[in-house]
Amino acid sequence: MRTAELNAQHNKLIWYIALPILSADLYSSVAYGLEAGITELAKFGNEAKWYIIPITISTVVLLAILILSYIMGVLAYPNGGGAYAIAKDNFKQRWVSLIASSSLLVDYILTVAVSVSAAVQAIASAYPIVTSYETVLAVLCVFILLLMNLRGVAESAKIFAWPTFGFMACMLIIVFTGFFNETRHGFVQPSTPPFGTVPKGMTILLILKAFSSACSALTGIETISNAVPIFREPRPKNAIKTYIALGIITSITLLGFAYHLYIKGISPNPNNTMLSQLTEYYFGHGLMYQLIIWFTFIVLILAANSTFTGFSQLAAIVASDGFLPRGLTNRGDRLGYSNGIIALAAIASLLIIAFQAQTNALIPLYAIGVFLSFTVAQLALSNGGNVKRVQVGKPN
């Protein structure tokens, strides 16, 4: 028995390995989140480009608040508990937990549609010949992910850590290359737009819309709190370390990326992502540019892949409670919830086709899932009806 327990503990993840595995969804969204925000203000031209700075600062502040909120969730639910479980435990009204589950299911669907679309757009930026086939390639990517998940591909999760590590390294290289460039050429350059100007026609609602689009960079933050059981003991402490590390690296990336986009005066381009434009400015079309583009593609596909299990499991839980078709509780030959996997792929593909694989067109739908699940989870924890307190650092 003791040997079995030791083996089980050995198979659990230490926090710095869990970090890239569980952060692919959240961290990959830095590739499109800020661009989605500034695209909402693109019609105002150069005078509106400085808004990317306060919008990004606000996004990072919200990220810190959310991380603190989910750390509370980790302490209250050391065995794992997403917004649906937290709301179900702490509210007598079932409709509250259903709002949480609905928002998460929408979030999962959009994560697949947006991540795959962004991945294909990254490749199209590097290879313009692909542009005409973006929708077809995006649907093909979803179909491949569908087949992989139906077949129960169960490679070691640790293998998937390396592409995320690589993407993180690429983003940090861009950020620090930008600062090195600015120490040589000035922190205000000829390409830098004016700061503080208010374009004619700018309204608070437009700024808030841009902010909500930029907050798509915060999707996937719940993943760690859902996955507390996969951590080594002490599980809550390791999960909290992962949240803190993820918050720091994501904040550095977002702030650095936004600052360099502003300094260079880069504009949204439907045929060339802002990440591609900035990378091209620093590295040309050489090896480093190609590495960054392909790491971006891979990590965005991994982010899409990571949602298949979460969607099918949550759909099965809600179906077992009688609020979705019972067929979603059926397991396939590979023990996965195959009907849920198929439903996710089908709906995501329909969205990709309807929006022609354009990330910025899909992003506004994200607000449904992003903000509702955050809000319900925090309200439930604040309600504190059945909160289970644990002492960090001691096994449960």
Protein backbone atom coordinates (compact mmCIF):
# COMPACT_ATOMS: atom_id res chain seq x y z
CA MET A 1 0.00 0.00 0.00
CA ARG A 2 2.82 2.36 0.90
CA THR A 3 4.51 1.70 -2.48
CA ALA A 4 1.28 2.45 -4.34
CA GLU A 5 0.91 5.73 -2.47
CA LEU A 6 4.49 6.70 -3.30
CA ASN A 7 3.96 5.88 -6.99
CA ALA A 8 0.77 7.91 -7.04
CA GLN A 9 2.58 10.85 -5.47
CA HIS A 10 5.45 10.48 -7.92
CA ASN A 11 3.02 10.75 -10.85
CA LYS A 12 1.67 14.05 -9.52
CA LEU A 13 3.10 17.27 -10.93
CA ILE A 14 5.43 19.68 -9.19
CA TRP A 15 4.38 23.29 -9.68
CA TYR A 16 7.00 24.37 -12.24
CA ILE A 17 6.06 21.43 -14.51
CA ALA A 18 2.35 22.04 -13.98
CA LEU A 19 2.87 25.71 -14.90
CA PRO A 20 3.33 25.26 -18.68
CA ILE A 21 0.89 22.33 -18.84
CA LEU A 22 -1.97 24.24 -17.22
CA SER A 23 -1.14 27.69 -18.60
CA ALA A 24 -1.34 26.98 -22.35
CA ASP A 25 -4.91 28.28 -22.53
CA LEU A 26 -4.28 31.49 -20.57
CA TYR A 27 -0.77 32.34 -21.74
CA SER A 28 -1.37 31.59 -25.42
CA SER A 29 -4.05 34.28 -25.50
CA VAL A 30 -1.39 37.00 -25.23
CA ALA A 31 -0.90 36.29 -28.96
CA TYR A 32 -4.30 37.81 -29.78
CA GLY A 33 -5.79 39.46 -26.67
CA LEU A 34 -4.18 42.89 -26.92
CA GLU A 35 -4.68 43.00 -30.68
CA ALA A 36 -8.38 42.30 -30.17
CA GLY A 37 -8.57 45.25 -27.78
CA ILE A 38 -6.81 47.81 -29.94
CA THR A 39 -8.67 46.64 -33.07
CA GLU A 40 -11.87 48.01 -31.52
CA LEU A 41 -10.29 51.49 -31.64
CA ALA A 42 -8.44 51.13 -34.96
CA LYS A 43 -10.82 53.47 -36.82
CA PHE A 44 -9.49 56.41 -34.75
CA GLY A 45 -6.00 55.97 -36.22
CA ASN A 46 -2.75 57.01 -34.54
CA GLU A 47 -4.45 59.20 -31.93
CA ALA A 48 -6.04 56.14 -30.30
CA LYS A 49 -2.98 53.86 -30.24
CA TRP A 50 -1.86 55.05 -26.81
CA TYR A 51 -5.00 53.52 -25.30
CA ILE A 52 -3.30 50.14 -25.51
CA ILE A 53 -1.22 51.15 -22.48
CA PRO A 54 -4.04 51.95 -19.97
CA ILE A 55 -6.15 49.06 -21.35
CA THR A 56 -3.28 46.63 -20.76
CA ILE A 57 -2.58 48.00 -17.27
CA SER A 58 -6.27 47.55 -16.43
CA THR A 59 -6.18 44.00 -17.80
CA VAL A 60 -3.15 43.16 -15.64
CA VAL A 61 -4.86 44.62 -12.54
CA LEU A 62 -7.90 42.47 -13.29
CA LEU A 63 -5.61 39.47 -13.75
CA ALA A 64 -4.18 40.04 -10.26
CA ILE A 65 -7.67 40.30 -8.76
CA LEU A 66 -8.76 37.10 -10.49
CA ILE A 67 -5.68 35.20 -9.37
CA LEU A 68 -6.36 36.23 -5.77
CA SER A 69 -9.95 35.10 -6.25
CA TYR A 70 -8.97 31.70 -7.59
CA ILE A 71 -6.35 31.27 -4.86
CA MET A 72 -9.30 31.58 -2.47
CA GLY A 73 -10.96 28.85 -4.54
CA VAL A 74 -7.90 26.63 -4.22
CA LEU A 75 -7.91 27.08 -0.43
CA ALA A 76 -11.63 26.42 -0.21
CA TYR A 77 -11.65 23.47 -2.64
CA PRO A 78 -8.30 21.63 -2.34
CA ASN A 79 -9.77 18.70 -4.27
CA GLY A 80 -10.54 20.92 -7.27
CA GLY A 81 -13.62 22.94 -7.95
CA GLY A 82 -14.55 25.15 -10.86
CA ALA A 83 -17.15 27.88 -10.95
CA TYR A 84 -19.96 25.32 -11.40
CA ALA A 85 -18.98 23.27 -8.34
CA ILE A 86 -18.38 26.37 -6.21
CA ALA A 87 -21.74 27.94 -7.18
CA LYS A 88 -23.54 24.62 -6.67
CA ASP A 89 -22.15 24.30 -3.15
CA ASN A 90 -22.72 27.88 -2.05
CA PHE A 91 -26.04 28.89 -3.60
CA LYS A 92 -29.40 27.23 -2.98
CA GLN A 93 -30.69 28.61 -6.29
CA ARG A 94 -29.72 26.15 -9.02
CA TRP A 95 -29.95 28.81 -11.72
CA VAL A 96 -26.75 30.42 -10.39
CA SER A 97 -24.69 27.29 -10.94
CA LEU A 98 -26.35 26.83 -14.34
CA ILE A 99 -25.25 30.34 -15.34
CA ALA A 100 -21.70 29.40 -14.30
CA SER A 101 -21.76 26.12 -16.23
CA SER A 102 -23.31 27.75 -19.31
CA SER A 103 -20.69 30.49 -19.37
CA LEU A 104 -17.89 27.93 -19.01
CA LEU A 105 -19.28 25.76 -21.80
CA VAL A 106 -19.48 28.83 -24.06
CA ASP A 107 -15.94 29.72 -22.99
CA TYR A 108 -14.68 26.24 -23.94
CA ILE A 109 -16.33 26.42 -27.37
CA LEU A 110 -14.92 29.86 -28.09
CA THR A 111 -11.47 28.83 -26.87
CA VAL A 112 -11.38 26.18 -29.58
CA ALA A 113 -12.74 28.51 -32.28
CA VAL A 114 -10.56 31.49 -31.31
CA SER A 115 -7.34 29.58 -30.58
CA VAL A 116 -7.47 27.58 -33.81
CA SER A 117 -8.35 30.69 -35.83
CA ALA A 118 -5.50 32.62 -34.21
CA ALA A 119 -3.11 29.74 -34.87
CA VAL A 120 -4.01 29.69 -38.58
CA GLN A 121 -3.79 33.48 -38.80
CA ALA A 122 -0.29 33.33 -37.31
CA ILE A 123 0.79 30.96 -40.09
CA ALA A 124 -1.00 33.08 -42.70
CA SER A 125 0.95 36.13 -41.50
CA ALA A 126 4.22 34.34 -42.22
CA TYR A 127 3.03 32.65 -45.40
CA PRO A 128 0.51 34.89 -47.22
CA ILE A 129 -0.36 32.09 -49.67
CA VAL A 130 -2.30 30.47 -46.81
CA THR A 131 -4.63 33.48 -46.38
CA SER A 132 -7.24 32.26 -48.87
CA TYR A 133 -7.52 28.92 -47.07
CA GLU A 134 -7.71 30.08 -43.45
CA THR A 135 -11.25 28.83 -42.83
CA VAL A 136 -10.62 25.44 -44.42
CA LEU A 137 -7.36 24.95 -42.51
CA ALA A 138 -8.96 26.00 -39.23
CA VAL A 139 -11.80 23.49 -39.63
CA LEU A 140 -9.24 20.83 -40.61
CA CYS A 141 -7.28 21.54 -37.41
CA VAL A 142 -10.47 21.13 -35.33
CA PHE A 143 -11.19 17.84 -37.12
CA ILE A 144 -7.70 16.54 -36.32
CA LEU A 145 -8.14 17.53 -32.67
CA LEU A 146 -11.50 15.74 -32.69
CA LEU A 147 -9.93 12.52 -33.98
CA MET A 148 -7.10 12.72 -31.45
CA ASN A 149 -9.49 13.15 -28.54
CA LEU A 150 -11.89 10.45 -29.73
CA ARG A 151 -8.98 8.03 -29.98
CA GLY A 152 -7.95 8.91 -26.45
CA VAL A 153 -4.43 10.01 -27.25
CA ALA A 154 -2.89 9.98 -23.79
CA GLU A 155 0.71 11.00 -24.23
CA SER A 156 2.46 12.12 -21.09
CA ALA A 157 1.25 15.58 -20.12
CA LYS A 158 4.87 16.54 -19.48
CA ILE A 159 5.56 16.37 -23.23
CA PHE A 160 3.09 19.20 -23.77
CA ALA A 161 5.02 21.39 -21.34
CA TRP A 162 7.88 22.02 -23.78
CA PRO A 163 5.98 23.90 -26.52
CA THR A 164 4.51 26.22 -23.86
CA PHE A 165 7.97 26.72 -22.34
CA GLY A 166 9.22 27.52 -25.85
CA PHE A 167 6.41 30.01 -26.48
CA MET A 168 7.02 31.69 -23.11
CA ALA A 169 10.73 32.00 -23.95
CA CYS A 170 9.88 33.47 -27.37
CA MET A 171 7.55 36.08 -25.87
CA LEU A 172 10.13 37.10 -23.26
CA ILE A 173 12.81 37.32 -25.97
CA ILE A 174 10.56 39.73 -27.91
CA VAL A 175 9.91 41.83 -24.78
CA PHE A 176 13.58 42.13 -23.80
CA THR A 177 14.74 42.61 -27.40
CA GLY A 178 12.32 45.52 -27.55
CA PHE A 179 13.81 47.14 -24.46
CA PHE A 180 17.32 46.65 -25.85
CA ASN A 181 16.21 48.26 -29.12
CA GLU A 182 14.75 51.23 -27.24
CA THR A 183 17.91 51.80 -25.20
CA ARG A 184 19.72 52.22 -28.52
CA HIS A 185 17.12 54.17 -30.51
CA GLY A 186 15.18 55.96 -27.81
CA PHE A 187 12.08 55.24 -25.78
CA VAL A 188 10.22 57.74 -27.95
CA GLN A 189 10.81 57.10 -31.63
CA PRO A 190 9.58 58.71 -34.87
CA SER A 191 7.01 55.90 -35.15
CA THR A 192 5.63 56.51 -31.64
CA PRO A 193 2.07 57.94 -31.73
CA PRO A 194 1.08 60.92 -29.54
CA PHE A 195 0.18 60.04 -25.96
CA GLY A 196 -2.89 61.34 -24.15
CA THR A 197 -4.85 62.65 -27.12
CA VAL A 198 -8.61 62.01 -27.18
CA PRO A 199 -9.86 61.43 -30.74
CA LYS A 200 -13.13 63.01 -31.77
CA GLY A 201 -15.98 60.53 -31.29
CA MET A 202 -14.21 58.48 -28.63
CA THR A 203 -16.60 57.39 -25.86
CA ILE A 204 -16.35 55.53 -22.57
CA LEU A 205 -18.42 52.67 -24.04
CA LEU A 206 -15.93 52.21 -26.88
CA ILE A 207 -13.04 52.12 -24.42
CA LEU A 208 -14.88 49.57 -22.28
CA LYS A 209 -15.58 47.48 -25.37
CA ALA A 210 -11.87 47.53 -26.21
CA PHE A 211 -11.06 46.57 -22.61
CA SER A 212 -13.49 43.65 -22.67
CA SER A 213 -11.94 42.39 -25.91
CA ALA A 214 -8.44 42.70 -24.47
CA CYS A 215 -9.61 40.64 -21.48
CA SER A 216 -9.80 37.63 -23.80
CA ALA A 217 -6.15 37.36 -22.72
CA LEU A 218 -7.47 36.16 -19.34
CA THR A 219 -9.32 33.08 -20.57
CA GLY A 220 -8.27 29.77 -19.06
CA ILE A 221 -7.37 31.17 -15.65
CA GLU A 222 -9.73 28.68 -13.98
CA THR A 223 -7.73 25.68 -15.25
CA ILE A 224 -5.36 25.57 -12.29
CA SER A 225 -8.12 25.65 -9.65
CA ASN A 226 -9.88 22.82 -11.50
CA ALA A 227 -6.70 20.75 -11.56
CA VAL A 228 -5.57 20.97 -7.92
CA PRO A 229 -5.69 17.14 -7.52
CA ILE A 230 -2.89 16.66 -10.09
CA PHE A 231 -0.37 18.57 -7.94
CA ARG A 232 2.06 16.96 -5.54
CA GLU A 233 1.51 17.46 -1.86
CA PRO A 234 1.01 19.99 -0.45
CA ARG A 235 -1.45 20.47 -3.31
CA PRO A 236 -2.91 23.90 -2.42
CA LYS A 237 0.54 25.38 -1.83
CA ASN A 238 1.85 24.11 -5.18
CA ALA A 239 -1.26 25.32 -7.00
CA ILE A 240 -0.84 28.78 -5.45
CA LYS A 241 2.83 28.88 -6.52
CA THR A 242 1.69 28.07 -10.06
CA TYR A 243 -0.89 30.85 -10.01
CA ILE A 244 1.66 33.40 -8.76
CA ALA A 245 4.29 32.38 -11.34
CA LEU A 246 1.72 32.46 -14.14
CA GLY A 247 0.49 35.88 -13.03
CA ILE A 248 4.00 37.33 -13.01
CA ILE A 249 5.08 35.99 -16.40
CA THR A 250 1.76 36.88 -18.05
CA SER A 251 1.87 40.43 -16.64
CA ILE A 252 5.44 40.99 -17.84
CA THR A 253 4.53 39.70 -21.30
CA LEU A 254 1.33 41.74 -21.64
CA LEU A 255 2.85 45.00 -20.40
CA GLY A 256 6.06 44.61 -22.43
CA PHE A 257 4.19 43.57 -25.57
CA ALA A 258 1.75 46.50 -25.29
CA TYR A 259 4.55 49.01 -24.68
CA HIS A 260 6.55 47.91 -27.73
CA LEU A 261 3.45 47.89 -29.95
CA TYR A 262 2.84 51.50 -28.90
CA ILE A 263 6.46 52.62 -29.35
CA LYS A 264 6.56 51.15 -32.86
CA GLY A 265 3.09 52.50 -33.70
CA ILE A 266 1.99 49.12 -35.03
CA SER A 267 -1.57 48.96 -36.39
CA PRO A 268 -3.95 45.98 -36.65
CA ASN A 269 -3.78 44.30 -40.05
CA PRO A 270 -6.22 41.53 -41.00
CA ASN A 271 -3.50 39.85 -43.08
CA ASN A 272 -0.62 40.22 -40.63
CA THR A 273 -1.01 39.90 -36.86
CA MET A 274 0.49 42.54 -34.59
CA LEU A 275 2.69 39.87 -33.00
CA SER A 276 4.01 38.96 -36.45
CA GLN A 277 4.61 42.63 -37.31
CA LEU A 278 6.55 43.28 -34.10
CA THR A 279 8.60 40.09 -34.48
CA GLU A 280 9.37 40.98 -38.10
CA TYR A 281 10.53 44.44 -37.04
CA TYR A 282 13.06 42.98 -34.58
CA PHE A 283 14.18 39.82 -36.40
CA GLY A 284 13.17 40.16 -40.06
CA HIS A 285 11.94 36.92 -41.66
CA GLY A 286 14.87 34.89 -40.41
CA LEU A 287 15.09 31.79 -38.22
CA MET A 288 13.97 33.56 -35.04
CA TYR A 289 10.84 34.87 -36.75
CA GLN A 290 9.98 31.39 -38.01
CA LEU A 291 10.53 29.85 -34.56
CA ILE A 292 8.24 32.38 -32.89
CA ILE A 293 5.49 31.91 -35.49
CA TRP A 294 5.57 28.12 -35.24
CA PHE A 295 5.72 28.12 -31.43
CA THR A 296 2.71 30.46 -31.51
CA PHE A 297 0.85 28.06 -33.81
CA ILE A 298 1.66 25.00 -31.69
CA VAL A 299 0.76 26.53 -28.32
CA LEU A 300 -2.54 27.89 -29.67
CA ILE A 301 -3.44 24.42 -30.98
CA LEU A 302 -2.51 22.96 -27.57
CA ALA A 303 -4.75 25.55 -25.91
CA ALA A 304 -7.63 24.43 -28.12
CA ASN A 305 -6.87 20.78 -27.42
CA SER A 306 -6.84 21.30 -23.64
CA THR A 307 -10.51 22.33 -23.65
CA PHE A 308 -11.88 19.09 -25.12
CA THR A 309 -11.56 17.20 -21.84
CA GLY A 310 -12.85 20.11 -19.76
CA PHE A 311 -15.90 20.69 -21.97
CA SER A 312 -16.90 17.03 -22.20
CA GLN A 313 -16.48 16.47 -18.45
CA LEU A 314 -18.44 19.57 -17.46
CA ALA A 315 -21.16 18.78 -20.01
CA ALA A 316 -21.41 15.25 -18.57
CA ILE A 317 -21.74 16.62 -15.01
CA VAL A 318 -24.49 19.07 -16.01
CA ALA A 319 -26.22 16.32 -18.05
CA SER A 320 -26.13 13.96 -15.07
CA ASP A 321 -27.89 16.70 -13.08
CA GLY A 322 -30.62 16.66 -15.75
CA PHE A 323 -29.94 20.02 -17.43
CA LEU A 324 -28.40 18.75 -20.70
CA PRO A 325 -29.17 15.71 -22.90
CA ARG A 326 -28.29 12.43 -21.14
CA GLY A 327 -26.34 11.34 -24.19
CA LEU A 328 -23.51 13.63 -23.07
CA THR A 329 -22.84 11.26 -20.13
CA ASN A 330 -22.04 8.34 -22.45
CA ARG A 331 -18.41 7.28 -22.61
CA GLY A 332 -16.83 6.04 -25.83
CA ASP A 333 -14.51 3.09 -26.37
CA ARG A 334 -11.57 5.12 -25.08
CA LEU A 335 -13.46 6.12 -21.91
CA GLY A 336 -13.83 9.74 -23.00
CA TYR A 337 -17.18 11.50 -23.20
CA SER A 338 -17.30 11.12 -26.98
CA ASN A 339 -20.65 12.89 -27.53
CA GLY A 340 -19.38 15.96 -25.69
CA ILE A 341 -16.15 15.92 -27.70
CA ILE A 342 -18.09 15.71 -30.97
CA ALA A 343 -20.49 18.47 -29.89
CA LEU A 344 -17.60 20.80 -29.03
CA ALA A 345 -15.85 20.20 -32.37
CA ALA A 346 -19.08 20.66 -34.33
CA ILE A 347 -20.12 23.93 -32.68
CA ALA A 348 -16.59 25.37 -32.82
CA SER A 349 -16.37 24.49 -36.53
CA LEU A 350 -19.69 26.21 -37.22
CA LEU A 351 -18.41 29.36 -35.51
CA ILE A 352 -15.18 29.24 -37.50
CA ILE A 353 -17.12 28.96 -40.74
CA ALA A 354 -19.63 31.66 -39.76
CA PHE A 355 -16.86 34.12 -38.83
CA GLN A 356 -14.43 32.96 -41.56
CA ALA A 357 -11.73 32.12 -39.00
CA GLN A 358 -11.28 35.81 -38.09
CA THR A 359 -10.14 36.00 -34.49
CA ASN A 360 -11.15 39.63 -33.97
CA ALA A 361 -14.69 38.87 -35.13
CA LEU A 362 -15.00 35.98 -32.67
CA ILE A 363 -13.48 37.79 -29.67
CA PRO A 364 -16.57 39.87 -28.68
CA LEU A 365 -18.44 36.62 -27.98
CA TYR A 366 -15.80 35.78 -25.39
CA ALA A 367 -17.20 38.32 -22.94
CA ILE A 368 -20.08 35.92 -22.25
CA GLY A 369 -17.86 33.21 -20.85
CA VAL A 370 -14.96 35.25 -19.54
CA PHE A 371 -16.73 37.59 -17.16
CA LEU A 372 -19.75 35.54 -16.07
CA SER A 373 -17.82 32.54 -14.74
CA PHE A 374 -15.34 34.84 -12.94
CA THR A 375 -18.15 36.78 -11.31
CA VAL A 376 -20.20 33.77 -10.25
CA ALA A 377 -17.19 32.02 -8.72
CA GLN A 378 -16.22 35.11 -6.70
CA LEU A 379 -19.78 35.75 -5.53
CA ALA A 380 -20.05 32.12 -4.43
CA LEU A 381 -16.81 32.31 -2.45
CA SER A 382 -17.91 35.60 -0.91
CA ASN A 383 -21.23 34.00 -0.01
CA GLY A 384 -19.21 31.40 1.88
CA GLY A 385 -22.10 29.05 2.59
CA ASN A 386 -20.16 25.80 2.45
CA VAL A 387 -16.60 26.99 2.10
CA LYS A 388 -14.17 24.34 3.27
CA ARG A 389 -11.09 25.88 4.78
CA VAL A 390 -7.71 24.13 4.70
CA GLN A 391 -4.32 25.02 6.09
CA VAL A 392 -1.84 25.63 3.31
CA GLY A 393 1.23 23.47 3.45
CA LYS A 394 -0.38 20.44 5.08
CA PRO A 395 -1.64 17.45 3.07
CA ASN A 396 -5.38 16.81 3.06
